[in-house]
N, C-alpha and C. Protein backbone atom coordinates (compact mmCIF):
# COMPACT_ATOMS: atom_id res chain seq x y z
N MET A 1 -18.99 -88.80 -106.82
CA MET A 1 -20.15 -88.47 -105.96
C MET A 1 -21.39 -88.70 -106.71
N GLN A 2 -22.39 -88.86 -105.96
CA GLN A 2 -23.73 -89.17 -106.48
C GLN A 2 -24.77 -88.13 -105.74
N SER A 3 -25.84 -87.84 -106.30
CA SER A 3 -26.68 -86.88 -105.71
C SER A 3 -28.09 -87.51 -105.81
N ILE A 4 -28.95 -87.37 -104.70
CA ILE A 4 -30.32 -88.16 -104.69
C ILE A 4 -31.35 -87.25 -104.03
N LYS A 5 -32.23 -86.99 -104.46
CA LYS A 5 -33.68 -86.21 -103.94
C LYS A 5 -33.94 -87.06 -102.62
N ALA A 6 -34.09 -86.21 -101.60
CA ALA A 6 -34.46 -86.88 -100.18
C ALA A 6 -35.63 -85.99 -99.62
N ILE A 7 -36.56 -86.55 -98.78
CA ILE A 7 -37.73 -85.59 -98.05
C ILE A 7 -37.04 -85.93 -96.49
N LEU A 8 -37.09 -84.71 -95.78
CA LEU A 8 -36.88 -84.88 -94.50
C LEU A 8 -38.03 -85.51 -93.55
N LYS A 9 -38.08 -86.60 -92.79
CA LYS A 9 -38.82 -87.32 -92.18
C LYS A 9 -38.86 -87.15 -90.56
N GLU A 10 -40.07 -87.24 -89.83
CA GLU A 10 -39.71 -87.12 -88.46
C GLU A 10 -39.08 -88.32 -87.92
N GLY A 11 -38.34 -88.55 -86.99
CA GLY A 11 -37.52 -89.54 -86.57
C GLY A 11 -38.05 -89.78 -85.18
N HIS A 12 -37.25 -90.84 -84.40
CA HIS A 12 -37.60 -91.27 -83.02
C HIS A 12 -37.30 -90.16 -81.96
N LYS A 13 -36.31 -89.06 -82.50
CA LYS A 13 -35.96 -87.93 -81.65
C LYS A 13 -35.17 -88.44 -80.27
N VAL A 14 -34.55 -89.58 -80.55
CA VAL A 14 -33.56 -89.98 -79.46
C VAL A 14 -32.11 -89.44 -79.66
N ALA A 15 -31.70 -89.37 -80.98
CA ALA A 15 -30.40 -88.67 -81.31
C ALA A 15 -30.57 -87.35 -80.66
N SER A 16 -31.59 -86.54 -80.78
CA SER A 16 -31.33 -85.23 -80.46
C SER A 16 -31.71 -85.05 -78.87
N GLY A 17 -32.48 -86.06 -78.18
CA GLY A 17 -32.87 -85.93 -76.85
C GLY A 17 -33.88 -85.48 -76.81
N GLN A 18 -34.90 -85.17 -77.91
CA GLN A 18 -36.20 -84.40 -77.77
C GLN A 18 -37.22 -85.58 -77.38
N ALA A 19 -36.97 -87.00 -77.42
CA ALA A 19 -38.09 -87.82 -77.09
C ALA A 19 -38.25 -87.82 -75.83
N ASN A 20 -39.54 -87.97 -75.59
CA ASN A 20 -40.19 -88.01 -74.10
C ASN A 20 -39.72 -89.19 -73.46
N ASP A 21 -39.58 -90.22 -74.01
CA ASP A 21 -39.26 -91.78 -73.41
C ASP A 21 -37.76 -92.01 -73.64
N SER A 22 -36.90 -90.99 -74.03
CA SER A 22 -35.45 -91.39 -74.47
C SER A 22 -34.73 -91.55 -73.30
N PRO A 23 -33.82 -92.64 -73.07
CA PRO A 23 -32.88 -93.06 -72.09
C PRO A 23 -31.76 -92.11 -71.91
N TYR A 24 -31.59 -91.03 -73.17
CA TYR A 24 -30.56 -90.17 -73.17
C TYR A 24 -31.26 -88.74 -73.28
N PRO A 25 -31.34 -88.14 -72.23
CA PRO A 25 -31.73 -86.88 -72.11
C PRO A 25 -31.25 -85.79 -72.80
N GLU A 26 -30.05 -85.94 -73.04
CA GLU A 26 -29.07 -85.10 -73.97
C GLU A 26 -28.85 -85.44 -75.30
N GLY A 27 -29.60 -86.43 -75.60
CA GLY A 27 -29.57 -87.01 -76.68
C GLY A 27 -28.25 -87.99 -76.98
N SER A 28 -28.48 -88.95 -77.98
CA SER A 28 -27.51 -90.15 -78.22
C SER A 28 -26.35 -89.53 -78.79
N ILE A 29 -26.51 -88.62 -79.76
CA ILE A 29 -25.31 -88.09 -80.31
C ILE A 29 -24.28 -87.40 -79.78
N LYS A 30 -24.93 -86.47 -78.73
CA LYS A 30 -24.12 -85.86 -77.92
C LYS A 30 -23.24 -86.46 -76.96
N MET A 31 -23.89 -87.60 -76.49
CA MET A 31 -23.20 -88.61 -75.66
C MET A 31 -22.19 -89.38 -76.30
N GLN A 32 -22.57 -89.83 -77.73
CA GLN A 32 -21.35 -90.58 -78.55
C GLN A 32 -20.48 -89.78 -79.01
N ALA A 33 -20.52 -88.33 -79.20
CA ALA A 33 -19.58 -87.54 -79.86
C ALA A 33 -18.16 -87.64 -79.23
N PRO A 34 -17.86 -87.60 -77.75
CA PRO A 34 -16.50 -87.70 -77.31
C PRO A 34 -15.97 -89.25 -77.57
N TYR A 35 -16.74 -90.08 -77.74
CA TYR A 35 -16.32 -91.34 -78.18
C TYR A 35 -15.87 -91.59 -79.52
N PHE A 36 -16.67 -90.94 -80.24
CA PHE A 36 -16.21 -90.92 -81.77
C PHE A 36 -14.91 -90.24 -82.00
N LYS A 37 -14.81 -89.02 -81.48
CA LYS A 37 -13.68 -88.07 -81.38
C LYS A 37 -12.34 -88.83 -81.02
N LYS A 38 -12.45 -89.71 -80.28
CA LYS A 38 -11.24 -90.61 -79.80
C LYS A 38 -10.76 -91.53 -80.75
N HIS A 39 -11.93 -91.89 -81.67
CA HIS A 39 -11.55 -92.86 -82.92
C HIS A 39 -11.62 -92.12 -84.21
N GLY A 40 -11.28 -90.73 -84.21
CA GLY A 40 -10.92 -89.95 -85.33
C GLY A 40 -12.34 -89.31 -85.84
N VAL A 41 -13.43 -89.44 -85.46
CA VAL A 41 -14.65 -88.85 -86.26
C VAL A 41 -15.00 -87.62 -85.19
N ASN A 42 -14.65 -86.41 -85.63
CA ASN A 42 -15.02 -85.17 -85.00
C ASN A 42 -16.32 -84.67 -85.37
N LEU A 43 -17.16 -84.42 -84.57
CA LEU A 43 -18.52 -83.85 -84.65
C LEU A 43 -18.65 -82.51 -84.27
N ASP A 44 -17.57 -81.93 -83.82
CA ASP A 44 -17.48 -80.50 -83.27
C ASP A 44 -18.30 -79.63 -84.05
N SER A 45 -18.19 -79.54 -85.54
CA SER A 45 -18.60 -78.42 -86.36
C SER A 45 -20.20 -78.87 -86.83
N TYR A 46 -20.83 -80.01 -86.13
CA TYR A 46 -22.00 -80.22 -86.70
C TYR A 46 -23.06 -80.10 -85.55
N TYR A 47 -24.20 -80.14 -85.88
CA TYR A 47 -25.49 -79.89 -85.12
C TYR A 47 -25.56 -81.49 -84.37
N LEU A 48 -25.93 -81.60 -83.22
CA LEU A 48 -25.50 -83.03 -82.61
C LEU A 48 -26.99 -83.42 -82.50
N ALA A 49 -27.58 -83.98 -83.79
CA ALA A 49 -28.69 -84.62 -83.85
C ALA A 49 -28.67 -85.24 -85.15
N THR A 50 -29.77 -86.11 -85.57
CA THR A 50 -29.75 -86.52 -87.08
C THR A 50 -30.88 -86.15 -87.77
N LEU A 51 -30.49 -85.95 -89.15
CA LEU A 51 -31.79 -85.62 -89.94
C LEU A 51 -32.09 -87.10 -90.70
N ASN A 52 -33.32 -87.39 -90.59
CA ASN A 52 -33.75 -88.65 -91.32
C ASN A 52 -34.39 -88.48 -92.62
N LEU A 53 -33.60 -88.87 -93.71
CA LEU A 53 -33.72 -88.60 -94.94
C LEU A 53 -34.39 -89.80 -95.56
N SER A 54 -35.69 -89.68 -96.27
CA SER A 54 -36.01 -90.51 -97.01
C SER A 54 -35.73 -90.70 -98.49
N ILE A 55 -35.03 -91.75 -98.84
CA ILE A 55 -34.82 -91.81 -100.55
C ILE A 55 -35.64 -92.62 -101.24
N SER A 56 -36.91 -93.24 -100.47
CA SER A 56 -37.93 -94.04 -101.01
C SER A 56 -38.22 -93.59 -102.52
N PRO A 57 -38.23 -94.22 -103.63
CA PRO A 57 -38.34 -95.80 -103.49
C PRO A 57 -36.76 -96.47 -103.44
N TYR A 58 -35.99 -95.66 -103.28
CA TYR A 58 -34.57 -96.14 -103.38
C TYR A 58 -34.17 -96.74 -102.06
N ARG A 59 -33.00 -97.61 -102.01
CA ARG A 59 -32.78 -97.99 -100.74
C ARG A 59 -31.18 -98.06 -100.73
N PHE A 60 -30.40 -97.91 -99.72
CA PHE A 60 -29.12 -97.77 -99.60
C PHE A 60 -28.35 -98.89 -98.94
N GLU A 61 -27.02 -99.07 -99.12
CA GLU A 61 -26.24 -99.90 -98.54
C GLU A 61 -24.82 -99.48 -98.08
N MET A 62 -24.54 -99.27 -97.12
CA MET A 62 -23.23 -98.86 -96.81
C MET A 62 -22.07 -100.03 -97.18
N VAL A 63 -21.22 -99.70 -98.02
CA VAL A 63 -20.48 -100.81 -98.58
C VAL A 63 -18.99 -100.65 -98.46
N SER A 64 -18.57 -99.40 -98.21
CA SER A 64 -17.27 -99.18 -97.95
C SER A 64 -16.99 -97.83 -97.08
N PRO A 65 -17.58 -97.60 -95.91
CA PRO A 65 -17.46 -96.42 -95.51
C PRO A 65 -16.10 -95.90 -95.04
N GLU A 66 -15.91 -94.49 -94.99
CA GLU A 66 -14.76 -93.86 -94.62
C GLU A 66 -14.14 -94.25 -93.26
N PHE A 67 -15.21 -94.21 -92.39
CA PHE A 67 -14.93 -94.43 -90.83
C PHE A 67 -15.82 -95.59 -90.32
N THR A 68 -15.07 -96.52 -89.46
CA THR A 68 -16.13 -97.44 -88.94
C THR A 68 -15.55 -97.51 -87.48
N VAL A 69 -16.29 -97.47 -86.37
CA VAL A 69 -15.82 -97.59 -85.00
C VAL A 69 -16.66 -98.90 -84.60
N GLN A 70 -15.94 -99.73 -84.20
CA GLN A 70 -16.47 -101.11 -83.77
C GLN A 70 -16.55 -101.44 -82.22
N LYS A 71 -17.49 -101.92 -81.84
CA LYS A 71 -17.62 -102.31 -80.39
C LYS A 71 -17.53 -101.11 -79.38
N LEU A 72 -18.30 -100.08 -79.79
CA LEU A 72 -18.14 -98.81 -78.92
C LEU A 72 -19.12 -98.96 -77.76
N GLU A 73 -18.34 -98.80 -76.50
CA GLU A 73 -19.29 -98.83 -75.45
C GLU A 73 -19.46 -97.40 -75.06
N TRP A 74 -20.76 -96.78 -75.12
CA TRP A 74 -20.76 -95.45 -74.97
C TRP A 74 -21.95 -95.14 -74.15
N ALA A 75 -22.67 -96.38 -73.63
CA ALA A 75 -23.91 -96.22 -72.64
C ALA A 75 -23.79 -97.36 -71.75
N GLU A 76 -23.72 -96.89 -70.39
CA GLU A 76 -23.82 -97.63 -69.41
C GLU A 76 -24.96 -98.68 -69.51
N SER A 77 -24.89 -99.89 -69.06
CA SER A 77 -25.94 -100.98 -69.13
C SER A 77 -26.54 -101.25 -70.71
N PHE A 78 -25.78 -100.86 -71.59
CA PHE A 78 -26.18 -101.29 -72.96
C PHE A 78 -24.97 -101.95 -73.62
N PRO A 79 -25.19 -102.96 -74.50
CA PRO A 79 -24.22 -103.60 -75.32
C PRO A 79 -23.42 -102.39 -76.02
N ALA A 80 -22.19 -103.04 -76.41
CA ALA A 80 -21.35 -102.20 -77.46
C ALA A 80 -21.96 -102.17 -78.84
N GLU A 81 -21.77 -101.11 -79.51
CA GLU A 81 -22.34 -101.09 -81.02
C GLU A 81 -21.20 -100.79 -81.84
N ASP A 82 -21.59 -101.01 -83.20
CA ASP A 82 -20.88 -100.75 -84.34
C ASP A 82 -21.33 -99.39 -85.01
N PHE A 83 -20.49 -98.47 -85.63
CA PHE A 83 -20.98 -97.30 -86.24
C PHE A 83 -20.02 -97.12 -87.55
N SER A 84 -20.87 -96.54 -88.56
CA SER A 84 -19.98 -96.37 -89.74
C SER A 84 -20.33 -95.00 -90.15
N PHE A 85 -19.61 -94.20 -91.10
CA PHE A 85 -19.69 -92.78 -91.34
C PHE A 85 -19.31 -92.74 -92.68
N SER A 86 -19.86 -91.71 -93.44
CA SER A 86 -19.29 -91.44 -94.70
C SER A 86 -19.70 -90.05 -94.99
N LYS A 87 -18.41 -89.28 -95.44
CA LYS A 87 -18.97 -87.67 -95.69
C LYS A 87 -19.89 -87.60 -96.86
N CYS A 88 -20.82 -86.48 -96.60
CA CYS A 88 -21.67 -86.28 -97.38
C CYS A 88 -21.99 -84.87 -97.52
N GLU A 89 -22.76 -84.28 -98.18
CA GLU A 89 -23.40 -82.81 -98.35
C GLU A 89 -24.92 -82.84 -98.45
N VAL A 90 -25.54 -81.79 -97.77
CA VAL A 90 -26.93 -81.60 -97.85
C VAL A 90 -27.22 -80.19 -98.72
N LEU A 91 -27.95 -80.17 -99.76
CA LEU A 91 -28.29 -79.02 -100.24
C LEU A 91 -29.68 -78.57 -99.98
N PHE A 92 -29.85 -77.35 -99.59
CA PHE A 92 -31.30 -76.86 -99.19
C PHE A 92 -31.24 -75.40 -99.36
N ASN A 93 -32.30 -75.00 -99.93
CA ASN A 93 -32.68 -73.56 -100.36
C ASN A 93 -31.27 -72.80 -100.69
N LYS A 94 -30.86 -73.31 -101.85
CA LYS A 94 -29.47 -72.88 -102.48
C LYS A 94 -28.35 -72.80 -101.54
N SER A 95 -28.26 -73.59 -100.34
CA SER A 95 -27.07 -73.44 -99.65
C SER A 95 -26.65 -74.98 -99.52
N SER A 96 -25.18 -75.15 -99.37
CA SER A 96 -24.68 -76.46 -99.04
C SER A 96 -24.25 -76.65 -97.43
N TYR A 97 -24.35 -77.89 -97.12
CA TYR A 97 -23.98 -78.10 -95.61
C TYR A 97 -23.28 -79.28 -95.60
N LYS A 98 -22.12 -79.28 -94.85
CA LYS A 98 -21.17 -80.51 -94.94
C LYS A 98 -21.85 -81.61 -93.82
N GLY A 99 -21.74 -82.80 -93.93
CA GLY A 99 -22.36 -83.57 -93.01
C GLY A 99 -21.57 -85.09 -93.17
N LEU A 100 -22.07 -85.84 -92.35
CA LEU A 100 -21.91 -87.42 -92.33
C LEU A 100 -22.98 -88.32 -92.21
N ILE A 101 -22.93 -89.27 -93.04
CA ILE A 101 -24.04 -90.21 -93.05
C ILE A 101 -23.69 -91.11 -91.86
N TYR A 102 -24.65 -91.22 -90.70
CA TYR A 102 -24.41 -91.84 -89.56
C TYR A 102 -25.11 -93.19 -89.83
N TYR A 103 -24.40 -94.37 -89.58
CA TYR A 103 -24.95 -95.42 -89.83
C TYR A 103 -24.66 -96.46 -88.57
N PRO A 104 -25.57 -96.79 -87.65
CA PRO A 104 -25.47 -97.64 -86.45
C PRO A 104 -25.79 -98.82 -87.05
N HIS A 105 -24.81 -99.68 -87.05
CA HIS A 105 -25.10 -100.92 -87.62
C HIS A 105 -26.45 -101.94 -87.14
N PRO A 106 -27.24 -102.22 -87.65
CA PRO A 106 -28.58 -102.81 -87.06
C PRO A 106 -28.10 -104.14 -86.36
N GLU A 107 -27.16 -104.95 -86.78
CA GLU A 107 -26.98 -105.97 -86.09
C GLU A 107 -26.42 -105.82 -84.54
N THR A 108 -25.86 -104.62 -84.22
CA THR A 108 -25.37 -104.25 -83.09
C THR A 108 -26.18 -103.23 -82.28
N LYS A 109 -27.25 -102.70 -83.01
CA LYS A 109 -28.19 -101.52 -82.55
C LYS A 109 -29.20 -102.26 -81.33
N ILE A 110 -29.52 -101.52 -80.34
CA ILE A 110 -30.40 -101.95 -79.55
C ILE A 110 -31.90 -101.68 -79.67
N ALA A 111 -32.13 -100.57 -80.34
CA ALA A 111 -33.56 -100.11 -80.67
C ALA A 111 -33.70 -99.15 -81.75
N HIS A 112 -34.79 -98.70 -82.23
CA HIS A 112 -35.03 -97.67 -83.24
C HIS A 112 -34.45 -98.05 -84.29
N PHE A 113 -35.14 -99.14 -85.05
CA PHE A 113 -34.49 -99.46 -86.41
C PHE A 113 -35.29 -98.55 -87.43
N HIS A 114 -34.56 -98.15 -88.58
CA HIS A 114 -35.24 -97.85 -89.83
C HIS A 114 -34.86 -98.79 -90.95
N ASP A 115 -35.85 -98.48 -91.93
CA ASP A 115 -35.62 -99.21 -93.32
C ASP A 115 -34.59 -98.65 -94.09
N GLN A 116 -34.14 -99.48 -95.06
CA GLN A 116 -33.15 -99.02 -95.75
C GLN A 116 -33.29 -98.00 -96.72
N SER A 117 -34.41 -97.17 -96.78
CA SER A 117 -34.81 -96.25 -97.35
C SER A 117 -34.57 -94.83 -96.75
N LEU A 118 -33.96 -94.86 -95.38
CA LEU A 118 -34.03 -93.97 -94.57
C LEU A 118 -32.69 -93.71 -94.18
N ILE A 119 -32.01 -92.66 -94.59
CA ILE A 119 -30.60 -92.43 -94.13
C ILE A 119 -30.40 -91.38 -93.13
N GLU A 120 -29.74 -91.69 -91.93
CA GLU A 120 -29.49 -90.78 -91.00
C GLU A 120 -28.41 -89.96 -91.42
N VAL A 121 -28.49 -88.43 -91.10
CA VAL A 121 -27.34 -87.72 -91.49
C VAL A 121 -27.02 -86.73 -90.18
N ILE A 122 -25.90 -86.75 -89.87
CA ILE A 122 -25.34 -85.61 -88.98
C ILE A 122 -24.82 -84.39 -89.77
N VAL A 123 -25.29 -83.21 -89.50
CA VAL A 123 -24.80 -82.19 -90.51
C VAL A 123 -24.76 -80.77 -89.88
N GLN A 124 -24.29 -79.83 -90.54
CA GLN A 124 -24.12 -78.62 -89.84
C GLN A 124 -25.55 -77.94 -89.42
N TYR A 125 -25.78 -77.00 -88.83
CA TYR A 125 -27.14 -76.62 -88.50
C TYR A 125 -27.78 -76.09 -89.81
N ILE A 126 -28.89 -76.35 -90.02
CA ILE A 126 -29.68 -75.84 -91.41
C ILE A 126 -30.95 -75.05 -90.74
N PRO A 127 -30.85 -73.78 -90.99
CA PRO A 127 -32.02 -72.80 -90.52
C PRO A 127 -33.41 -73.08 -91.54
N ASN A 128 -34.57 -73.05 -90.84
CA ASN A 128 -35.67 -73.00 -91.54
C ASN A 128 -35.93 -74.38 -92.14
N ILE A 129 -35.45 -75.51 -91.87
CA ILE A 129 -35.84 -76.88 -92.43
C ILE A 129 -36.92 -77.37 -91.49
N GLU A 130 -37.83 -77.93 -92.23
CA GLU A 130 -38.87 -78.70 -91.69
C GLU A 130 -39.47 -80.02 -92.05
N TYR A 131 -40.06 -80.85 -91.40
CA TYR A 131 -40.48 -81.96 -91.91
C TYR A 131 -41.07 -82.03 -93.13
N GLY A 132 -40.96 -82.88 -94.11
CA GLY A 132 -41.65 -82.71 -95.28
C GLY A 132 -40.71 -81.94 -96.41
N ASP A 133 -39.74 -81.22 -96.03
CA ASP A 133 -39.12 -80.46 -97.03
C ASP A 133 -38.05 -81.62 -97.87
N GLU A 134 -38.12 -81.21 -99.26
CA GLU A 134 -37.24 -81.79 -100.32
C GLU A 134 -36.02 -81.11 -100.03
N LEU A 135 -34.94 -82.08 -100.20
CA LEU A 135 -33.54 -81.53 -100.17
C LEU A 135 -32.61 -82.46 -101.17
N GLU A 136 -31.63 -82.37 -101.40
CA GLU A 136 -30.55 -83.14 -102.22
C GLU A 136 -29.44 -83.66 -101.32
N LEU A 137 -29.26 -84.95 -101.35
CA LEU A 137 -28.26 -85.49 -100.61
C LEU A 137 -27.05 -85.88 -101.55
N VAL A 138 -25.86 -85.37 -101.39
CA VAL A 138 -24.94 -85.75 -102.20
C VAL A 138 -23.72 -86.59 -101.56
N LEU A 139 -23.54 -87.89 -101.95
CA LEU A 139 -22.88 -88.67 -101.14
C LEU A 139 -21.84 -89.46 -102.17
N ASN A 140 -21.00 -90.14 -101.40
CA ASN A 140 -19.71 -90.96 -101.97
C ASN A 140 -20.30 -92.29 -102.56
N ASN A 141 -20.46 -92.36 -103.86
CA ASN A 141 -21.10 -93.67 -104.48
C ASN A 141 -20.03 -94.90 -104.43
N LYS A 142 -18.80 -94.73 -103.96
CA LYS A 142 -17.84 -95.76 -103.67
C LYS A 142 -18.05 -96.34 -102.09
N GLU A 143 -18.73 -95.37 -101.46
CA GLU A 143 -18.92 -95.82 -100.07
C GLU A 143 -20.21 -96.35 -99.82
N ILE A 144 -21.24 -95.80 -100.41
CA ILE A 144 -22.75 -96.10 -100.19
C ILE A 144 -23.37 -96.48 -101.71
N LYS A 145 -24.03 -97.63 -101.73
CA LYS A 145 -24.68 -98.08 -102.97
C LYS A 145 -26.15 -97.44 -102.74
N ILE A 146 -26.59 -97.18 -103.88
CA ILE A 146 -28.12 -96.77 -104.04
C ILE A 146 -28.72 -97.56 -104.92
N GLU A 147 -29.92 -98.18 -104.62
CA GLU A 147 -30.37 -99.08 -105.63
C GLU A 147 -32.20 -98.95 -105.57
N LYS A 148 -32.55 -99.48 -106.39
CA LYS A 148 -34.18 -99.41 -106.39
C LYS A 148 -34.78 -100.68 -105.87
């Protein structure tokens, strides 16, 4: 396991459904969850949104994820997408929260791209967290490579 400091950044708010222009009013994660569950990725214990964690100046690469779901057709009128997941832990305010690195493969994703220094995490609900807060992300270094 490897630990890295991260800063919570504001995202596109599509995953949570809070974006005004989102094509997914309930949020993309809530819509995707039943499909992921059919493929062995159960999100029932997580808050159905993503945290956007900046690890800048470092970058990450998903090298051997625990779970990969390929060619998932989860939204009508949009092409199938590939997703990978890796278990992680978020440490904030002396508490630990279980989570999953959520990685929609850029080569199949339709919009809202992030640079390689921003990691999306689906995690248990974290009270009192705000944009700009620093936290620690614990991840499996056999599944995710961190480099400068």
